[in-house]
Amino acid sequence: MVREARIKRETAETEVFVRLRLEGAGRASVHTGVGFFDHMLTHIAKHGVFDLEVNAEGDCEIDDHHLVEDVGIVLGQAFSQAVGDKKGMARFGSAMCPLDEALVMVALDFSGRAHLSWGLSLPSRRVGDFDTELALEFFRAFAHNAKVSLHLIQQAGDNTHHILESAFKSFARALDQATRIDERLTDVPSTKGTLT
């Protein structure tokens, strides 16, 4: 079974294309024009072992808000489409990936209900060309469009780059765990019989 999605979103502010393959090899082709954000999205592919293509452009002469948020929207829609009816899927995932002094735990549930609990404390407003406030916007947009319950809890960290990289790597590993097919399961992993 190949689970994949291709989603394109065009607005007056942005144009975003995402191609996702869950049964991938960690290949990434990411081009948003925002260097640090590209680096973080590449971690999702590499550490989630997904194949991911992201091409995005937008009104970055204003700021990067619309671009980052819309990538979160489209990536969330791609995961929602790729997991399909969720039959046989693990559903839950959690991970903690340290980066030097930083440690962020991510736990998520493909429950069909959107929720974000944000527990990161970021000391710096910018990492390179990236406005660190936009990390929250990305994860919120993803959670709402993938229809997942998503928790990010910072255990430690002083360096903003390290905290965010720990978060994105943990997010990738949690996604990998949650989207895996468990051969023991033949139905939707819910006592309700549905995850919508």
Protein backbone atom coordinates (compact mmCIF):
# COMPACT_ATOMS: atom_id res chain seq x y z
CA MET A 1 0.00 0.00 0.00
CA VAL A 2 1.34 3.40 -0.99
CA ARG A 3 -0.02 6.31 1.01
CA GLU A 4 0.70 9.67 -0.55
CA ALA A 5 -0.80 13.07 -1.25
CA ARG A 6 -0.32 16.06 -3.51
CA ILE A 7 -1.87 19.34 -2.41
CA LYS A 8 -1.69 22.79 -3.98
CA ARG A 9 -2.97 25.98 -2.39
CA GLU A 10 -3.09 29.32 -4.17
CA THR A 11 -4.21 32.57 -2.57
CA ALA A 12 -3.55 36.25 -3.23
CA GLU A 13 -0.72 35.96 -0.68
CA THR A 14 0.95 32.59 -1.29
CA GLU A 15 1.33 29.64 -3.62
CA VAL A 16 2.21 26.35 -1.90
CA PHE A 17 2.67 22.86 -3.32
CA VAL A 18 3.32 19.79 -1.16
CA ARG A 19 3.92 16.22 -2.25
CA LEU A 20 4.13 13.65 0.55
CA ARG A 21 4.78 9.91 0.57
CA LEU A 22 4.45 8.22 3.95
CA GLU A 23 6.28 5.05 2.91
CA GLY A 24 9.36 7.00 1.92
CA ALA A 25 13.10 7.00 2.42
CA GLY A 26 13.63 10.39 4.06
CA ARG A 27 14.13 12.26 0.78
CA ALA A 28 13.41 15.99 0.86
CA SER A 29 13.18 18.76 -1.71
CA VAL A 30 12.19 21.90 0.17
CA HIS A 31 12.16 25.44 -1.23
CA THR A 32 10.32 28.20 0.64
CA GLY A 33 12.89 30.99 0.46
CA VAL A 34 13.16 31.00 4.26
CA GLY A 35 16.42 29.20 5.05
CA PHE A 36 15.87 28.10 8.64
CA PHE A 37 12.31 26.99 7.85
CA ASP A 38 13.59 24.89 4.94
CA HIS A 39 16.07 23.30 7.35
CA MET A 40 13.27 22.42 9.80
CA LEU A 41 10.97 21.01 7.09
CA THR A 42 13.84 18.85 5.83
CA HIS A 43 14.06 17.34 9.34
CA ILE A 44 10.43 16.24 9.02
CA ALA A 45 11.31 14.18 5.95
CA LYS A 46 14.65 12.88 7.20
CA HIS A 47 13.63 11.88 10.72
CA GLY A 48 10.08 10.85 9.82
CA VAL A 49 11.42 8.78 6.91
CA PHE A 50 8.90 10.40 4.59
CA ASP A 51 9.48 11.60 1.05
CA LEU A 52 8.57 15.28 1.05
CA GLU A 53 8.53 17.97 -1.59
CA VAL A 54 7.61 21.53 -0.63
CA ASN A 55 7.65 24.44 -3.06
CA ALA A 56 6.30 27.70 -1.70
CA GLU A 57 6.44 31.39 -2.42
CA GLY A 58 4.56 34.30 -0.98
CA ASP A 59 4.45 37.92 0.04
CA CYS A 60 7.66 37.76 2.06
CA GLU A 61 8.32 41.41 1.31
CA ILE A 62 5.72 42.00 4.05
CA ASP A 63 6.96 39.20 6.30
CA ASP A 64 7.04 35.40 6.29
CA HIS A 65 3.86 34.87 8.29
CA HIS A 66 1.51 33.96 5.43
CA LEU A 67 4.07 31.66 3.84
CA VAL A 68 4.90 29.70 7.00
CA GLU A 69 1.26 29.40 8.05
CA ASP A 70 0.14 28.27 4.59
CA VAL A 71 2.88 25.63 4.43
CA GLY A 72 1.51 24.35 7.76
CA ILE A 73 -2.00 24.30 6.30
CA VAL A 74 -0.99 22.40 3.18
CA LEU A 75 1.32 19.96 4.97
CA GLY A 76 -1.47 19.21 7.44
CA GLN A 77 -3.90 18.61 4.57
CA ALA A 78 -1.35 16.33 2.91
CA PHE A 79 -1.00 14.18 6.03
CA SER A 80 -4.78 14.07 6.43
CA GLN A 81 -5.19 12.91 2.85
CA ALA A 82 -2.29 10.44 2.95
CA VAL A 83 -3.49 8.57 6.06
CA GLY A 84 -6.90 8.07 4.46
CA ASP A 85 -9.38 6.15 6.59
CA LYS A 86 -6.60 5.31 9.12
CA LYS A 87 -7.40 1.58 9.09
CA GLY A 88 -4.51 -0.37 10.58
CA MET A 89 -2.64 2.80 11.53
CA ALA A 90 -0.99 3.16 14.93
CA ARG A 91 -2.73 6.55 15.43
CA PHE A 92 -0.62 7.75 18.39
CA GLY A 93 2.99 8.87 18.34
CA SER A 94 5.45 10.47 20.73
CA ALA A 95 9.14 11.25 20.69
CA MET A 96 11.87 13.17 22.51
CA CYS A 97 14.93 14.08 20.44
CA PRO A 98 17.65 15.99 22.28
CA LEU A 99 19.84 18.57 20.61
CA ASP A 100 22.70 19.42 22.95
CA GLU A 101 21.10 21.18 25.95
CA ALA A 102 17.62 21.31 24.39
CA LEU A 103 14.95 18.64 24.78
CA VAL A 104 11.39 18.85 23.48
CA MET A 105 8.77 16.14 23.79
CA VAL A 106 6.13 15.86 21.06
CA ALA A 107 3.03 13.69 21.41
CA LEU A 108 0.24 13.50 18.86
CA ASP A 109 -2.96 11.68 18.05
CA PHE A 110 -4.61 11.41 14.63
CA SER A 111 -7.94 11.64 16.45
CA GLY A 112 -9.86 13.63 13.84
CA ARG A 113 -10.06 16.48 16.35
CA ALA A 114 -7.74 19.47 16.06
CA HIS A 115 -5.89 20.70 19.13
CA LEU A 116 -2.52 22.30 19.85
CA SER A 117 -0.87 22.59 23.24
CA TRP A 118 2.18 24.83 22.89
CA GLY A 119 4.80 24.55 25.60
CA LEU A 120 7.91 26.09 24.05
CA SER A 121 9.75 29.05 25.54
CA LEU A 122 11.94 30.61 22.84
CA PRO A 123 14.57 33.07 24.12
CA SER A 124 15.29 34.72 20.75
CA ARG A 125 12.89 36.42 18.33
CA ARG A 126 14.91 35.36 15.29
CA VAL A 127 17.07 32.46 14.15
CA GLY A 128 18.78 33.54 10.97
CA ASP A 129 16.04 34.92 8.73
CA PHE A 130 13.27 33.11 10.62
CA ASP A 131 10.86 34.88 13.00
CA THR A 132 10.57 32.33 15.80
CA GLU A 133 6.97 33.37 16.59
CA LEU A 134 6.04 31.69 13.31
CA ALA A 135 6.86 28.22 14.66
CA LEU A 136 3.65 28.41 16.70
CA GLU A 137 1.70 29.46 13.59
CA PHE A 138 3.12 26.53 11.61
CA PHE A 139 2.26 23.92 14.24
CA ARG A 140 -1.20 25.41 14.85
CA ALA A 141 -1.98 25.37 11.12
CA PHE A 142 -0.71 21.80 10.83
CA ALA A 143 -2.76 20.53 13.79
CA HIS A 144 -5.97 22.12 12.53
CA ASN A 145 -5.59 20.83 8.98
CA ALA A 146 -4.28 17.35 9.80
CA LYS A 147 -6.98 17.12 12.48
CA VAL A 148 -4.55 15.95 15.12
CA SER A 149 -4.17 16.60 18.81
CA LEU A 150 -0.60 17.89 19.08
CA HIS A 151 1.38 18.60 22.25
CA LEU A 152 4.85 20.15 22.36
CA ILE A 153 6.46 20.24 25.80
CA GLN A 154 9.89 21.74 26.36
CA GLN A 155 11.90 19.85 28.94
CA ALA A 156 15.11 21.88 28.63
CA GLY A 157 16.89 24.36 26.41
CA ASP A 158 18.60 27.76 26.31
CA ASN A 159 19.41 28.11 22.62
CA THR A 160 16.45 28.92 20.37
CA HIS A 161 17.89 27.13 17.34
CA HIS A 162 18.42 23.99 19.43
CA ILE A 163 14.94 24.14 20.98
CA LEU A 164 13.23 24.44 17.60
CA GLU A 165 15.38 21.76 16.01
CA SER A 166 14.61 19.39 18.89
CA ALA A 167 10.90 20.18 18.41
CA PHE A 168 10.90 19.51 14.67
CA LYS A 169 12.93 16.30 14.98
CA SER A 170 10.65 15.04 17.75
CA PHE A 171 7.62 16.02 15.65
CA ALA A 172 8.99 14.00 12.73
CA ARG A 173 9.60 10.90 14.86
CA ALA A 174 6.13 11.17 16.43
CA LEU A 175 4.55 11.46 12.98
CA ASP A 176 6.46 8.41 11.80
CA GLN A 177 5.30 6.40 14.80
CA ALA A 178 1.65 7.49 14.51
CA THR A 179 1.33 6.90 10.77
CA ARG A 180 2.89 3.42 10.72
CA ILE A 181 0.73 0.50 9.75
CA ASP A 182 0.45 -2.12 12.48
CA GLU A 183 -0.16 -5.51 10.87
CA ARG A 184 -2.10 -6.64 13.96
CA LEU A 185 -4.76 -4.01 13.32
CA THR A 186 -7.44 -4.60 10.71
CA ASP A 187 -9.74 -1.71 11.51
CA VAL A 188 -9.67 1.91 12.65
CA PRO A 189 -7.89 2.15 16.04
CA SER A 190 -10.87 3.56 17.91
CA THR A 191 -13.66 2.07 20.01
CA LYS A 192 -16.02 4.42 18.14
CA GLY A 193 -15.11 2.75 14.86
CA THR A 194 -14.19 6.06 13.25
CA LEU A 195 -11.53 8.77 13.49
CA THR A 196 -13.18 11.68 11.72
